[in-house]
Amino acid sequence: MSCPRRQTSSSGRSPNCDRRSSLRVLWPMVSHGVLYPSRCTQWLWPRDVGTAYPLAKGGYRVRRESDKSVLGEVDTVEEAYELIADDDQREGGVTDYDLPAAPDERMPLLVRRCLAYVCACLRKAQEEFGETQVKAYVSLSFADTEEALLTSNVTFCTPLPDIRPYNPDLEAVTDAAVGEISLEDCSAWS
């Protein structure tokens, strides 16, 4: 994925952001009161950074979308971003640290790991909830880091009649490899 790098200049930033170098490389996005920091401005953006959701009682719940981990509940936006910064300094997202760095060695292992995870989740959704319409979207792209490692992201969505699809035109995605996988696809691979 070709994501622009965030400027690390501290001019005009709050003291909290200046203190946390990991926050200075994130792009903020706000939608429906939810604060989505990301390393990328282009869709499909990685979901391995914590997101701050406003609570009805006040304050925020911070969770990481890639693995649905709740990082904590806090009273202020500043505290939410402290949690995000603390968590962002650790590895997040799909576990791939044990894979080789060379793309030709890494890709088949990463794809196999993603497909095993996707099929296990889709089967569990059917077993536990009777849900058969969930779709999994697996994307592969190169990280916007010096190492430019091949990385992956998995997103699950249930198509609903009045809601825009997660990705209405998979063929138009040019900066990542994206696949849509259903429970039926997993059955064919068993």
N, C-alpha and C. Protein backbone atom coordinates (compact mmCIF):
# COMPACT_ATOMS: atom_id res chain seq x y z
N MET A 1 0.84 -1.16 0.00
CA MET A 1 0.00 0.00 0.00
C MET A 1 0.89 1.23 0.00
N SER A 2 0.56 2.18 -0.79
CA SER A 2 1.35 3.39 -0.90
C SER A 2 0.68 4.49 -0.10
N CYS A 3 1.00 4.58 1.17
CA CYS A 3 0.41 5.57 2.05
C CYS A 3 1.40 6.70 2.28
N PRO A 4 0.93 7.94 2.23
CA PRO A 4 1.85 9.04 2.50
C PRO A 4 2.30 9.00 3.97
N ARG A 5 3.54 9.38 4.20
CA ARG A 5 4.02 9.43 5.57
C ARG A 5 3.56 10.72 6.23
N ARG A 6 3.15 10.61 7.48
CA ARG A 6 2.72 11.77 8.24
C ARG A 6 3.94 12.59 8.64
N GLN A 7 3.84 13.89 8.50
CA GLN A 7 4.93 14.76 8.92
C GLN A 7 5.14 14.65 10.41
N THR A 8 6.37 14.68 10.85
CA THR A 8 6.65 14.55 12.28
C THR A 8 7.00 15.88 12.92
N SER A 9 6.76 16.99 12.23
CA SER A 9 6.99 18.30 12.81
C SER A 9 6.05 18.51 13.98
N SER A 10 6.54 19.12 15.05
CA SER A 10 5.70 19.29 16.23
C SER A 10 5.02 20.65 16.27
N SER A 11 5.18 21.47 15.25
CA SER A 11 4.58 22.79 15.29
C SER A 11 3.06 22.68 15.25
N GLY A 12 2.42 23.42 16.15
CA GLY A 12 0.97 23.44 16.18
C GLY A 12 0.33 22.22 16.81
N ARG A 13 1.08 21.34 17.40
CA ARG A 13 0.52 20.14 18.01
C ARG A 13 0.38 20.34 19.52
N SER A 14 -0.54 19.57 20.11
CA SER A 14 -0.70 19.63 21.56
C SER A 14 0.48 18.97 22.24
N PRO A 15 0.74 19.30 23.51
CA PRO A 15 1.86 18.68 24.23
C PRO A 15 1.74 17.17 24.29
N ASN A 16 0.53 16.63 24.42
CA ASN A 16 0.37 15.18 24.46
C ASN A 16 0.88 14.54 23.18
N CYS A 17 0.56 15.14 22.03
CA CYS A 17 1.00 14.56 20.76
C CYS A 17 2.50 14.71 20.60
N ASP A 18 3.07 15.85 21.01
CA ASP A 18 4.51 16.04 20.89
C ASP A 18 5.26 15.02 21.72
N ARG A 19 4.71 14.66 22.85
CA ARG A 19 5.37 13.73 23.75
C ARG A 19 5.37 12.31 23.21
N ARG A 20 4.41 11.97 22.38
CA ARG A 20 4.24 10.61 21.87
C ARG A 20 4.56 10.56 20.40
N SER A 21 5.75 10.13 20.05
CA SER A 21 6.13 10.12 18.64
C SER A 21 5.22 9.22 17.83
N SER A 22 4.66 8.15 18.42
CA SER A 22 3.80 7.27 17.64
C SER A 22 2.52 7.98 17.20
N LEU A 23 2.05 8.96 17.96
CA LEU A 23 0.84 9.68 17.55
C LEU A 23 1.12 10.62 16.39
N ARG A 24 2.34 11.11 16.27
CA ARG A 24 2.65 12.06 15.22
C ARG A 24 2.67 11.44 13.83
N VAL A 25 2.69 10.12 13.74
CA VAL A 25 2.67 9.48 12.43
C VAL A 25 1.28 8.98 12.06
N LEU A 26 0.26 9.31 12.87
CA LEU A 26 -1.10 8.86 12.59
C LEU A 26 -1.93 9.99 12.00
N TRP A 27 -2.80 9.62 11.07
CA TRP A 27 -3.75 10.55 10.47
C TRP A 27 -5.06 10.41 11.23
N PRO A 28 -5.61 11.50 11.76
CA PRO A 28 -6.89 11.39 12.47
C PRO A 28 -8.07 11.42 11.49
N MET A 29 -9.09 10.66 11.80
CA MET A 29 -10.35 10.71 11.05
C MET A 29 -11.47 10.64 12.07
N VAL A 30 -12.51 11.42 11.88
CA VAL A 30 -13.66 11.41 12.78
C VAL A 30 -14.91 11.12 11.95
N SER A 31 -15.71 10.19 12.42
CA SER A 31 -16.98 9.88 11.77
C SER A 31 -17.97 9.47 12.85
N HIS A 32 -19.11 10.12 12.90
CA HIS A 32 -20.16 9.83 13.87
C HIS A 32 -19.62 9.88 15.31
N GLY A 33 -18.71 10.80 15.56
CA GLY A 33 -18.16 10.96 16.90
C GLY A 33 -17.07 9.97 17.26
N VAL A 34 -16.77 9.04 16.37
CA VAL A 34 -15.74 8.03 16.62
C VAL A 34 -14.42 8.56 16.07
N LEU A 35 -13.36 8.41 16.83
CA LEU A 35 -12.04 8.89 16.44
C LEU A 35 -11.22 7.72 15.92
N TYR A 36 -10.88 7.77 14.64
CA TYR A 36 -10.14 6.69 13.96
C TYR A 36 -8.76 7.18 13.56
N PRO A 37 -7.73 7.00 14.36
CA PRO A 37 -6.40 7.32 13.87
C PRO A 37 -5.90 6.19 12.96
N SER A 38 -5.14 6.54 11.93
CA SER A 38 -4.65 5.53 11.00
C SER A 38 -3.27 5.93 10.49
N ARG A 39 -2.51 4.93 10.03
CA ARG A 39 -1.22 5.19 9.42
C ARG A 39 -1.36 5.57 7.95
N CYS A 40 -2.55 5.50 7.43
CA CYS A 40 -2.78 5.65 6.00
C CYS A 40 -4.03 6.47 5.74
N THR A 41 -4.04 7.24 4.65
CA THR A 41 -5.21 8.02 4.29
C THR A 41 -6.03 7.36 3.19
N GLN A 42 -5.54 6.26 2.66
CA GLN A 42 -6.23 5.61 1.56
C GLN A 42 -6.99 4.39 2.05
N TRP A 43 -8.13 4.12 1.44
CA TRP A 43 -8.89 2.91 1.74
C TRP A 43 -8.20 1.76 1.03
N LEU A 44 -8.04 0.71 1.52
CA LEU A 44 -8.26 0.05 2.78
C LEU A 44 -7.18 0.47 3.77
N TRP A 45 -7.53 1.18 4.81
CA TRP A 45 -6.52 1.55 5.78
C TRP A 45 -6.40 0.46 6.83
N PRO A 46 -5.20 0.32 7.40
CA PRO A 46 -5.00 -0.71 8.41
C PRO A 46 -5.87 -0.45 9.64
N ARG A 47 -6.31 -1.48 10.31
CA ARG A 47 -7.17 -1.34 11.49
C ARG A 47 -6.43 -1.80 12.75
N ASP A 48 -5.11 -1.69 12.75
CA ASP A 48 -4.33 -2.17 13.88
C ASP A 48 -4.02 -1.10 14.91
N VAL A 49 -4.61 0.09 14.73
CA VAL A 49 -4.42 1.19 15.67
C VAL A 49 -5.72 1.33 16.47
N GLY A 50 -5.61 1.62 17.75
CA GLY A 50 -6.80 1.77 18.59
C GLY A 50 -7.75 2.84 18.07
N THR A 51 -9.04 2.64 18.31
CA THR A 51 -10.09 3.57 17.92
C THR A 51 -10.84 3.99 19.17
N ALA A 52 -11.19 5.27 19.29
CA ALA A 52 -11.89 5.79 20.47
C ALA A 52 -13.37 5.98 20.15
N TYR A 53 -14.22 5.22 20.84
CA TYR A 53 -15.67 5.29 20.66
C TYR A 53 -16.28 6.06 21.83
N PRO A 54 -17.14 7.07 21.55
CA PRO A 54 -17.76 7.80 22.66
C PRO A 54 -18.78 6.90 23.37
N LEU A 55 -18.86 7.04 24.69
CA LEU A 55 -19.81 6.28 25.49
C LEU A 55 -21.00 7.17 25.85
N ALA A 56 -22.19 6.59 25.94
CA ALA A 56 -23.40 7.35 26.29
C ALA A 56 -23.25 8.03 27.65
N LYS A 57 -22.55 7.38 28.57
CA LYS A 57 -22.37 7.93 29.92
C LYS A 57 -21.26 8.98 29.98
N GLY A 58 -20.60 9.22 28.85
CA GLY A 58 -19.46 10.13 28.80
C GLY A 58 -18.17 9.35 28.76
N GLY A 59 -17.14 9.96 28.24
CA GLY A 59 -15.86 9.28 28.12
C GLY A 59 -15.79 8.46 26.84
N TYR A 60 -14.78 7.59 26.78
CA TYR A 60 -14.51 6.83 25.56
C TYR A 60 -14.11 5.40 25.90
N ARG A 61 -14.50 4.48 25.02
CA ARG A 61 -13.97 3.11 25.05
C ARG A 61 -12.99 3.03 23.89
N VAL A 62 -11.79 2.56 24.17
CA VAL A 62 -10.75 2.45 23.16
C VAL A 62 -10.55 0.98 22.85
N ARG A 63 -10.66 0.65 21.57
CA ARG A 63 -10.42 -0.74 21.17
C ARG A 63 -9.67 -0.79 19.85
N ARG A 64 -8.99 -1.90 19.65
CA ARG A 64 -8.24 -2.12 18.42
C ARG A 64 -9.09 -3.03 17.54
N GLU A 65 -9.43 -2.57 16.34
CA GLU A 65 -10.33 -3.29 15.45
C GLU A 65 -9.75 -4.58 14.89
N SER A 66 -8.44 -4.64 14.70
CA SER A 66 -7.85 -5.81 14.05
C SER A 66 -8.10 -7.09 14.83
N ASP A 67 -8.11 -7.00 16.14
CA ASP A 67 -8.36 -8.21 16.94
C ASP A 67 -9.46 -8.00 17.98
N LYS A 68 -10.17 -6.86 17.89
CA LYS A 68 -11.30 -6.53 18.77
C LYS A 68 -10.90 -6.42 20.23
N SER A 69 -9.64 -6.12 20.52
CA SER A 69 -9.19 -5.96 21.89
C SER A 69 -9.67 -4.64 22.46
N VAL A 70 -10.26 -4.68 23.66
CA VAL A 70 -10.61 -3.45 24.36
C VAL A 70 -9.38 -3.01 25.14
N LEU A 71 -8.92 -1.79 24.84
CA LEU A 71 -7.71 -1.28 25.49
C LEU A 71 -8.03 -0.56 26.79
N GLY A 72 -9.28 -0.12 26.93
CA GLY A 72 -9.69 0.53 28.17
C GLY A 72 -10.80 1.53 27.96
N GLU A 73 -11.34 2.03 29.09
CA GLU A 73 -12.33 3.11 29.08
C GLU A 73 -11.73 4.28 29.84
N VAL A 74 -11.87 5.47 29.27
CA VAL A 74 -11.26 6.67 29.85
C VAL A 74 -12.26 7.82 29.80
N ASP A 75 -11.92 8.91 30.50
CA ASP A 75 -12.83 10.05 30.59
C ASP A 75 -12.65 11.08 29.50
N THR A 76 -11.43 11.23 28.97
CA THR A 76 -11.18 12.32 28.03
C THR A 76 -10.54 11.81 26.73
N VAL A 77 -10.61 12.67 25.71
CA VAL A 77 -9.96 12.35 24.43
C VAL A 77 -8.46 12.22 24.63
N GLU A 78 -7.88 13.08 25.45
CA GLU A 78 -6.45 13.01 25.70
C GLU A 78 -6.06 11.66 26.28
N GLU A 79 -6.86 11.16 27.24
CA GLU A 79 -6.57 9.85 27.83
C GLU A 79 -6.75 8.74 26.79
N ALA A 80 -7.74 8.90 25.91
CA ALA A 80 -7.95 7.90 24.86
C ALA A 80 -6.72 7.81 23.97
N TYR A 81 -6.17 8.96 23.59
CA TYR A 81 -5.00 8.94 22.73
C TYR A 81 -3.75 8.46 23.47
N GLU A 82 -3.70 8.64 24.77
CA GLU A 82 -2.60 8.05 25.54
C GLU A 82 -2.66 6.52 25.44
N LEU A 83 -3.88 5.94 25.58
CA LEU A 83 -4.02 4.49 25.44
C LEU A 83 -3.62 4.03 24.04
N ILE A 84 -4.05 4.79 23.04
CA ILE A 84 -3.73 4.43 21.65
C ILE A 84 -2.22 4.48 21.44
N ALA A 85 -1.58 5.53 21.96
CA ALA A 85 -0.13 5.67 21.79
C ALA A 85 0.61 4.54 22.51
N ASP A 86 0.18 4.22 23.72
CA ASP A 86 0.82 3.14 24.47
C ASP A 86 0.69 1.82 23.72
N ASP A 87 -0.50 1.55 23.22
CA ASP A 87 -0.73 0.29 22.51
C ASP A 87 0.00 0.26 21.18
N ASP A 88 0.08 1.40 20.50
CA ASP A 88 0.71 1.45 19.18
C ASP A 88 2.20 1.19 19.25
N GLN A 89 2.79 1.32 20.41
CA GLN A 89 4.22 1.05 20.54
C GLN A 89 4.49 -0.44 20.59
N ARG A 90 3.45 -1.24 20.78
CA ARG A 90 3.59 -2.70 20.72
C ARG A 90 3.12 -3.15 19.35
N GLU A 91 3.45 -4.37 18.99
CA GLU A 91 2.99 -4.91 17.71
C GLU A 91 1.49 -5.11 17.76
N GLY A 92 0.80 -4.82 16.69
CA GLY A 92 -0.63 -5.03 16.61
C GLY A 92 -0.99 -5.63 15.28
N GLY A 93 -2.23 -5.98 15.10
CA GLY A 93 -2.69 -6.52 13.83
C GLY A 93 -2.46 -8.01 13.71
N VAL A 94 -2.41 -8.49 12.48
CA VAL A 94 -2.25 -9.92 12.20
C VAL A 94 -0.87 -10.37 12.66
N THR A 95 -0.82 -11.50 13.35
CA THR A 95 0.45 -12.03 13.83
C THR A 95 1.28 -12.51 12.64
N ASP A 96 2.41 -11.85 12.42
CA ASP A 96 3.26 -12.25 11.31
C ASP A 96 4.74 -12.08 11.63
N TYR A 97 5.05 -11.77 12.87
CA TYR A 97 6.43 -11.52 13.24
C TYR A 97 7.33 -12.75 13.08
N ASP A 98 6.72 -13.93 13.06
CA ASP A 98 7.50 -15.15 12.95
C ASP A 98 7.73 -15.57 11.50
N LEU A 99 7.21 -14.81 10.55
CA LEU A 99 7.34 -15.17 9.14
C LEU A 99 8.60 -14.57 8.53
N PRO A 100 9.14 -15.21 7.50
CA PRO A 100 10.33 -14.64 6.85
C PRO A 100 9.99 -13.30 6.18
N ALA A 101 10.98 -12.47 5.99
CA ALA A 101 10.77 -11.14 5.41
C ALA A 101 10.67 -11.17 3.89
N ALA A 102 11.34 -12.08 3.23
CA ALA A 102 11.35 -12.13 1.76
C ALA A 102 9.93 -12.40 1.25
N PRO A 103 9.41 -11.53 0.38
CA PRO A 103 8.03 -11.66 -0.09
C PRO A 103 7.69 -13.03 -0.67
N ASP A 104 8.61 -13.63 -1.45
CA ASP A 104 8.29 -14.92 -2.07
C ASP A 104 8.19 -16.04 -1.05
N GLU A 105 8.84 -15.90 0.09
CA GLU A 105 8.71 -16.88 1.17
C GLU A 105 7.55 -16.53 2.10
N ARG A 106 7.35 -15.24 2.31
CA ARG A 106 6.35 -14.75 3.27
C ARG A 106 4.92 -14.92 2.76
N MET A 107 4.69 -14.61 1.48
CA MET A 107 3.32 -14.57 0.96
C MET A 107 2.55 -15.88 1.13
N PRO A 108 3.05 -17.03 0.72
CA PRO A 108 2.23 -18.23 0.86
C PRO A 108 1.91 -18.56 2.32
N LEU A 109 2.84 -18.29 3.22
CA LEU A 109 2.60 -18.54 4.64
C LEU A 109 1.56 -17.58 5.21
N LEU A 110 1.66 -16.31 4.83
CA LEU A 110 0.71 -15.30 5.30
C LEU A 110 -0.69 -15.57 4.75
N VAL A 111 -0.78 -15.90 3.48
CA VAL A 111 -2.08 -16.21 2.88
C VAL A 111 -2.70 -17.43 3.56
N ARG A 112 -1.90 -18.47 3.76
CA ARG A 112 -2.40 -19.69 4.42
C ARG A 112 -2.91 -19.36 5.82
N ARG A 113 -2.17 -18.54 6.56
CA ARG A 113 -2.58 -18.16 7.91
C ARG A 113 -3.89 -17.37 7.89
N CYS A 114 -4.00 -16.43 6.96
CA CYS A 114 -5.22 -15.63 6.85
C CYS A 114 -6.43 -16.50 6.49
N LEU A 115 -6.25 -17.40 5.52
CA LEU A 115 -7.36 -18.25 5.09
C LEU A 115 -7.79 -19.21 6.20
N ALA A 116 -6.85 -19.74 6.95
CA ALA A 116 -7.20 -20.61 8.07
C ALA A 116 -8.00 -19.84 9.12
N TYR A 117 -7.56 -18.62 9.41
CA TYR A 117 -8.25 -17.78 10.38
C TYR A 117 -9.66 -17.44 9.89
N VAL A 118 -9.77 -17.00 8.64
CA VAL A 118 -11.06 -16.63 8.06
C VAL A 118 -12.03 -17.81 8.11
N CYS A 119 -11.59 -18.97 7.64
CA CYS A 119 -12.49 -20.13 7.60
C CYS A 119 -12.89 -20.57 9.01
N ALA A 120 -11.98 -20.52 9.95
CA ALA A 120 -12.33 -20.87 11.34
C ALA A 120 -13.39 -19.91 11.89
N CYS A 121 -13.24 -18.63 11.60
CA CYS A 121 -14.20 -17.63 12.09
C CYS A 121 -15.56 -17.78 11.40
N LEU A 122 -15.56 -18.00 10.10
CA LEU A 122 -16.83 -18.16 9.38
C LEU A 122 -17.56 -19.42 9.84
N ARG A 123 -16.83 -20.49 10.08
CA ARG A 123 -17.46 -21.72 10.59
C ARG A 123 -18.02 -21.50 11.99
N LYS A 124 -17.29 -20.79 12.83
CA LYS A 124 -17.74 -20.51 14.19
C LYS A 124 -18.99 -19.63 14.17
N ALA A 125 -19.05 -18.68 13.25
CA ALA A 125 -20.24 -17.82 13.13
C ALA A 125 -21.46 -18.65 12.78
N GLN A 126 -21.27 -19.65 11.94
CA GLN A 126 -22.39 -20.53 11.59
C GLN A 126 -22.78 -21.41 12.78
N GLU A 127 -21.79 -22.02 13.41
CA GLU A 127 -22.06 -22.92 14.54
C GLU A 127 -22.70 -22.20 15.72
N GLU A 128 -22.14 -21.07 16.11
CA GLU A 128 -22.58 -20.37 17.32
C GLU A 128 -23.84 -19.52 17.10
N PHE A 129 -23.96 -18.90 15.92
CA PHE A 129 -25.03 -17.93 15.70
C PHE A 129 -25.94 -18.27 14.52
N GLY A 130 -25.65 -19.35 13.82
CA GLY A 130 -26.45 -19.68 12.64
C GLY A 130 -26.25 -18.71 11.49
N GLU A 131 -25.19 -17.95 11.54
CA GLU A 131 -24.91 -16.90 10.54
C GLU A 131 -24.14 -17.49 9.37
N THR A 132 -24.74 -17.41 8.18
CA THR A 132 -24.09 -17.96 6.99
C THR A 132 -23.78 -16.90 5.93
N GLN A 133 -24.22 -15.68 6.16
CA GLN A 133 -24.05 -14.63 5.15
C GLN A 133 -22.83 -13.75 5.36
N VAL A 134 -22.09 -13.98 6.45
CA VAL A 134 -20.91 -13.16 6.73
C VAL A 134 -19.88 -13.35 5.60
N LYS A 135 -19.28 -12.26 5.20
CA LYS A 135 -18.20 -12.29 4.20
C LYS A 135 -16.92 -11.83 4.88
N ALA A 136 -15.83 -12.43 4.51
CA ALA A 136 -14.52 -12.01 5.00
C ALA A 136 -13.77 -11.36 3.84
N TYR A 137 -13.11 -10.26 4.13
CA TYR A 137 -12.29 -9.58 3.14
C TYR A 137 -10.85 -9.64 3.62
N VAL A 138 -10.00 -10.26 2.83
CA VAL A 138 -8.58 -10.38 3.16
C VAL A 138 -7.82 -9.49 2.19
N SER A 139 -7.00 -8.61 2.75
CA SER A 139 -6.17 -7.75 1.89
C SER A 139 -4.70 -8.00 2.19
N LEU A 140 -3.92 -7.97 1.16
CA LEU A 140 -2.46 -8.07 1.27
C LEU A 140 -1.86 -6.83 0.65
N SER A 141 -0.93 -6.22 1.35
CA SER A 141 -0.26 -5.04 0.82
C SER A 141 1.09 -4.91 1.52
N PHE A 142 1.92 -4.04 0.98
CA PHE A 142 3.23 -3.80 1.58
C PHE A 142 3.12 -2.66 2.58
N ALA A 143 3.65 -2.86 3.77
CA ALA A 143 3.61 -1.85 4.83
C ALA A 143 4.37 -0.61 4.41
N ASP A 144 3.91 0.53 4.87
CA ASP A 144 4.58 1.79 4.58
C ASP A 144 5.65 2.05 5.65
N THR A 145 6.62 1.17 5.66
CA THR A 145 7.75 1.27 6.59
C THR A 145 9.02 1.08 5.79
N GLU A 146 10.15 1.29 6.42
CA GLU A 146 11.42 1.09 5.72
C GLU A 146 11.57 -0.34 5.24
N GLU A 147 11.08 -1.30 6.04
CA GLU A 147 11.20 -2.71 5.67
C GLU A 147 10.23 -3.10 4.55
N ALA A 148 9.12 -2.37 4.42
CA ALA A 148 8.09 -2.64 3.41
C ALA A 148 7.68 -4.12 3.40
N LEU A 149 7.42 -4.66 4.58
CA LEU A 149 7.01 -6.06 4.69
C LEU A 149 5.61 -6.26 4.13
N LEU A 150 5.37 -7.40 3.55
CA LEU A 150 4.04 -7.78 3.11
C LEU A 150 3.20 -8.03 4.35
N THR A 151 2.06 -7.36 4.45
CA THR A 151 1.18 -7.49 5.61
C THR A 151 -0.22 -7.85 5.15
N SER A 152 -1.06 -8.22 6.10
CA SER A 152 -2.44 -8.58 5.75
C SER A 152 -3.41 -7.96 6.72
N ASN A 153 -4.64 -7.86 6.29
CA ASN A 153 -5.73 -7.35 7.10
C ASN A 153 -6.95 -8.20 6.79
N VAL A 154 -7.72 -8.54 7.82
CA VAL A 154 -8.94 -9.32 7.64
C VAL A 154 -10.09 -8.53 8.24
N THR A 155 -11.16 -8.36 7.48
CA THR A 155 -12.36 -7.66 7.93
C THR A 155 -13.56 -8.55 7.66
N PHE A 156 -14.48 -8.64 8.62
CA PHE A 156 -15.70 -9.42 8.45
C PHE A 156 -16.89 -8.48 8.36
N CYS A 157 -17.79 -8.75 7.40
CA CYS A 157 -19.00 -7.94 7.21
C CYS A 157 -20.16 -8.85 6.84
N THR A 158 -21.34 -8.45 7.26
CA THR A 158 -22.56 -9.14 6.83
C THR A 158 -23.28 -8.22 5.86
N PRO A 159 -23.50 -8.65 4.62
CA PRO A 159 -24.22 -7.80 3.67
C PRO A 159 -25.64 -7.53 4.15
N LEU A 160 -26.05 -6.27 4.12
CA LEU A 160 -27.40 -5.88 4.50
C LEU A 160 -28.02 -5.11 3.33
N PRO A 161 -29.34 -5.27 3.11
CA PRO A 161 -29.96 -4.70 1.91
C PRO A 161 -29.86 -3.18 1.77
N ASP A 162 -29.93 -2.44 2.86
CA ASP A 162 -29.94 -0.98 2.77
C ASP A 162 -28.61 -0.34 3.12
N ILE A 163 -27.57 -1.14 3.22
CA ILE A 163 -26.26 -0.63 3.60
C ILE A 163 -25.28 -0.85 2.45
N ARG A 164 -24.48 0.17 2.17
CA ARG A 164 -23.47 0.08 1.13
C ARG A 164 -22.52 -1.08 1.45
N PRO A 165 -22.15 -1.88 0.46
CA PRO A 165 -21.22 -3.00 0.71
C PRO A 165 -19.87 -2.51 1.22
N TYR A 166 -19.17 -3.40 1.91
CA TYR A 166 -17.85 -3.06 2.45
C TYR A 166 -16.93 -2.57 1.33
N ASN A 167 -16.90 -3.30 0.23
CA ASN A 167 -16.12 -2.88 -0.93
C ASN A 167 -16.95 -3.19 -2.17
N PRO A 168 -17.64 -2.19 -2.70
CA PRO A 168 -18.55 -2.45 -3.83
C PRO A 168 -17.85 -2.84 -5.13
N ASP A 169 -16.56 -2.57 -5.25
CA ASP A 169 -15.87 -2.87 -6.51
C ASP A 169 -14.46 -3.40 -6.22
N LEU A 170 -14.37 -4.67 -5.91
CA LEU A 170 -13.07 -5.28 -5.59
C LEU A 170 -12.08 -5.14 -6.73
N GLU A 171 -12.57 -5.19 -7.95
CA GLU A 171 -11.67 -5.12 -9.11
C GLU A 171 -11.01 -3.75 -9.25
N ALA A 172 -11.57 -2.73 -8.62
CA ALA A 172 -11.01 -1.38 -8.74
C ALA A 172 -9.87 -1.13 -7.75
N VAL A 173 -9.68 -2.00 -6.78
CA VAL A 173 -8.61 -1.81 -5.80
C VAL A 173 -7.28 -2.11 -6.49
N THR A 174 -6.37 -1.12 -6.46
CA THR A 174 -5.10 -1.28 -7.16
C THR A 174 -3.89 -1.26 -6.24
N ASP A 175 -4.08 -0.84 -4.98
CA ASP A 175 -2.92 -0.73 -4.10
C ASP A 175 -2.83 -1.87 -3.09
N ALA A 176 -3.66 -2.89 -3.27
CA ALA A 176 -3.62 -4.07 -2.40
C ALA A 176 -4.29 -5.22 -3.15
N ALA A 177 -3.97 -6.43 -2.72
CA ALA A 177 -4.69 -7.60 -3.22
C ALA A 177 -5.81 -7.87 -2.23
N VAL A 178 -7.06 -7.88 -2.71
CA VAL A 178 -8.21 -8.05 -1.82
C VAL A 178 -9.06 -9.20 -2.32
N GLY A 179 -9.45 -10.06 -1.40
CA GLY A 179 -10.32 -11.17 -1.74
C GLY A 179 -11.52 -11.21 -0.82
N GLU A 180 -12.68 -11.56 -1.38
CA GLU A 180 -13.90 -11.74 -0.60
C GLU A 180 -14.13 -13.24 -0.44
N ILE A 181 -14.31 -13.68 0.80
CA ILE A 181 -14.41 -15.11 1.09
C ILE A 181 -15.69 -15.37 1.86
N SER A 182 -16.41 -16.40 1.45
CA SER A 182 -17.66 -16.79 2.13
C SER A 182 -17.49 -18.15 2.78
N LEU A 183 -18.48 -18.54 3.57
CA LEU A 183 -18.48 -19.86 4.18
C LEU A 183 -18.47 -20.94 3.11
N GLU A 184 -19.18 -20.69 2.02
CA GLU A 184 -19.21 -21.65 0.91
C GLU A 184 -17.80 -21.85 0.32
N ASP A 185 -17.03 -20.79 0.20
CA ASP A 185 -15.66 -20.91 -0.28
C ASP A 185 -14.84 -21.82 0.64
N CYS A 186 -15.03 -21.64 1.95
CA CYS A 186 -14.28 -22.46 2.92
C CYS A 186 -14.65 -23.94 2.79
N SER A 187 -15.91 -24.22 2.50
CA SER A 187 -16.36 -25.60 2.35
C SER A 187 -15.64 -26.26 1.17
N ALA A 188 -15.40 -25.49 0.13
CA ALA A 188 -14.72 -26.02 -1.05
C ALA A 188 -13.26 -26.36 -0.76
N TRP A 189 -12.67 -25.71 0.25
CA TRP A 189 -11.26 -25.94 0.59
C TRP A 189 -11.06 -27.03 1.62
N SER A 190 -12.13 -27.52 2.22
CA SER A 190 -12.00 -28.52 3.31
C SER A 190 -11.56 -29.86 2.76
